[in-house]
Amino acid sequence: MYRIQQAPLHSTHFTDLVPVTSADAPGVNATIQKGLQLLSIHETVLKKHLGSCDFDRATVMTGKKSDVAKQLQDIAQYAICILDCVAHNLELAVLDAIISHI
């Protein structure tokens, strides 16, 4: 999913399901870029309009140095808001609740 900031409205869109060829940060970032390119969303669009990204808490996504979030910020050339994925957090909470009652 990606979020576009374009006054006066902000919008969130589902991009695509693209197979990940490598689970490291460069591989995940390349897969994200491929999914966006399928929708004709290139780096020039990201540089102007990318506002936030939602990720799970995996280190490859939101680590400190060369994670996917950092690579997307490098493309955008400004700080973007990195959020924890609400759906993923809800899934983890439900799983914890189920396990605690087994």
Protein backbone atom coordinates (compact mmCIF):
# COMPACT_ATOMS: atom_id res chain seq x y z
CA MET A 1 0.00 0.00 0.00
CA TYR A 2 1.12 3.53 -0.50
CA ARG A 3 -0.18 6.89 0.61
CA ILE A 4 -0.13 9.95 -1.63
CA GLN A 5 -0.23 13.47 -0.21
CA GLN A 6 -1.73 15.82 -2.72
CA ALA A 7 -3.64 18.83 -1.47
CA PRO A 8 -6.45 19.02 -0.61
CA LEU A 9 -6.88 15.22 -0.29
CA HIS A 10 -4.67 12.41 0.93
CA SER A 11 -5.27 8.91 -0.34
CA THR A 12 -4.16 5.37 0.39
CA HIS A 13 -4.01 2.77 -2.37
CA PHE A 14 -3.37 -0.96 -2.58
CA THR A 15 -0.57 -1.53 -5.05
CA ASP A 16 -0.12 -5.16 -5.98
CA LEU A 17 1.08 -8.56 -4.82
CA VAL A 18 4.55 -9.02 -6.26
CA PRO A 19 6.73 -12.05 -5.44
CA VAL A 20 9.74 -11.16 -3.29
CA THR A 21 12.94 -12.56 -4.79
CA SER A 22 15.11 -11.77 -1.76
CA ALA A 23 14.08 -11.14 1.85
CA ASP A 24 16.86 -8.62 2.55
CA ALA A 25 16.24 -4.86 2.44
CA PRO A 26 17.49 -4.33 -1.15
CA GLY A 27 15.36 -7.27 -2.35
CA VAL A 28 12.22 -6.04 -0.57
CA ASN A 29 12.81 -2.48 -1.80
CA ALA A 30 13.26 -3.74 -5.38
CA THR A 31 9.97 -5.64 -5.06
CA ILE A 32 8.19 -2.52 -3.79
CA GLN A 33 9.61 -0.52 -6.69
CA LYS A 34 8.47 -3.19 -9.16
CA GLY A 35 4.94 -3.13 -7.74
CA LEU A 36 4.81 0.65 -7.97
CA GLN A 37 6.18 0.64 -11.52
CA LEU A 38 3.37 -1.73 -12.55
CA LEU A 39 1.07 1.16 -11.60
CA SER A 40 3.25 3.75 -13.37
CA ILE A 41 4.43 5.20 -10.07
CA HIS A 42 8.10 6.03 -10.45
CA GLU A 43 10.71 7.71 -8.26
CA THR A 44 9.71 11.17 -9.47
CA VAL A 45 6.20 10.61 -8.08
CA LEU A 46 7.58 9.27 -4.80
CA LYS A 47 9.87 12.29 -4.45
CA LYS A 48 6.88 14.62 -4.69
CA HIS A 49 4.05 12.76 -2.99
CA LEU A 50 5.11 9.89 -0.70
CA GLY A 51 3.91 10.74 2.80
CA SER A 52 4.01 7.54 4.85
CA CYS A 53 4.63 3.81 4.79
CA ASP A 54 3.14 1.10 6.98
CA PHE A 55 5.39 -1.82 7.89
CA ASP A 56 5.50 -4.68 10.32
CA ARG A 57 8.24 -4.42 12.92
CA ALA A 58 10.69 -6.68 11.12
CA THR A 59 14.24 -5.32 11.24
CA VAL A 60 14.55 -5.56 7.47
CA MET A 61 11.65 -3.10 7.17
CA THR A 62 12.31 -0.65 10.00
CA GLY A 63 15.86 -1.18 11.20
CA LYS A 64 18.31 1.66 11.72
CA LYS A 65 20.80 1.84 8.84
CA SER A 66 19.90 0.24 5.53
CA ASP A 67 16.35 -0.98 6.03
CA VAL A 68 13.52 -0.59 3.52
CA ALA A 69 12.15 2.52 5.27
CA LYS A 70 15.56 4.22 5.05
CA GLN A 71 15.90 3.31 1.38
CA LEU A 72 12.47 4.80 0.62
CA GLN A 73 13.40 7.96 2.53
CA ASP A 74 16.59 8.16 0.47
CA ILE A 75 14.53 7.98 -2.72
CA ALA A 76 12.07 10.62 -1.48
CA GLN A 77 14.96 12.78 -0.19
CA TYR A 78 12.96 13.83 2.87
CA ALA A 79 11.68 12.21 6.05
CA ILE A 80 8.52 10.18 5.55
CA CYS A 81 6.26 8.96 8.33
CA ILE A 82 6.93 5.29 9.09
CA LEU A 83 3.98 3.62 10.80
CA ASP A 84 3.39 0.21 12.31
CA CYS A 85 0.87 -1.72 10.25
CA VAL A 86 -2.42 -1.70 12.17
CA ALA A 87 -3.65 -4.92 10.56
CA HIS A 88 -0.42 -6.74 11.44
CA ASN A 89 -0.58 -5.48 15.04
CA LEU A 90 -4.22 -6.62 15.30
CA GLU A 91 -3.29 -10.05 13.94
CA LEU A 92 -0.53 -10.37 16.56
CA ALA A 93 -2.90 -9.30 19.36
CA VAL A 94 -5.53 -11.85 18.31
CA LEU A 95 -2.88 -14.56 18.06
CA ASP A 96 -1.62 -13.72 21.57
CA ALA A 97 -5.18 -13.86 22.91
CA ILE A 98 -5.81 -17.25 21.32
CA ILE A 99 -2.53 -18.71 22.57
CA SER A 100 -3.12 -17.46 26.11
CA HIS A 101 -6.46 -19.32 26.24
CA ILE A 102 -5.20 -22.65 24.92
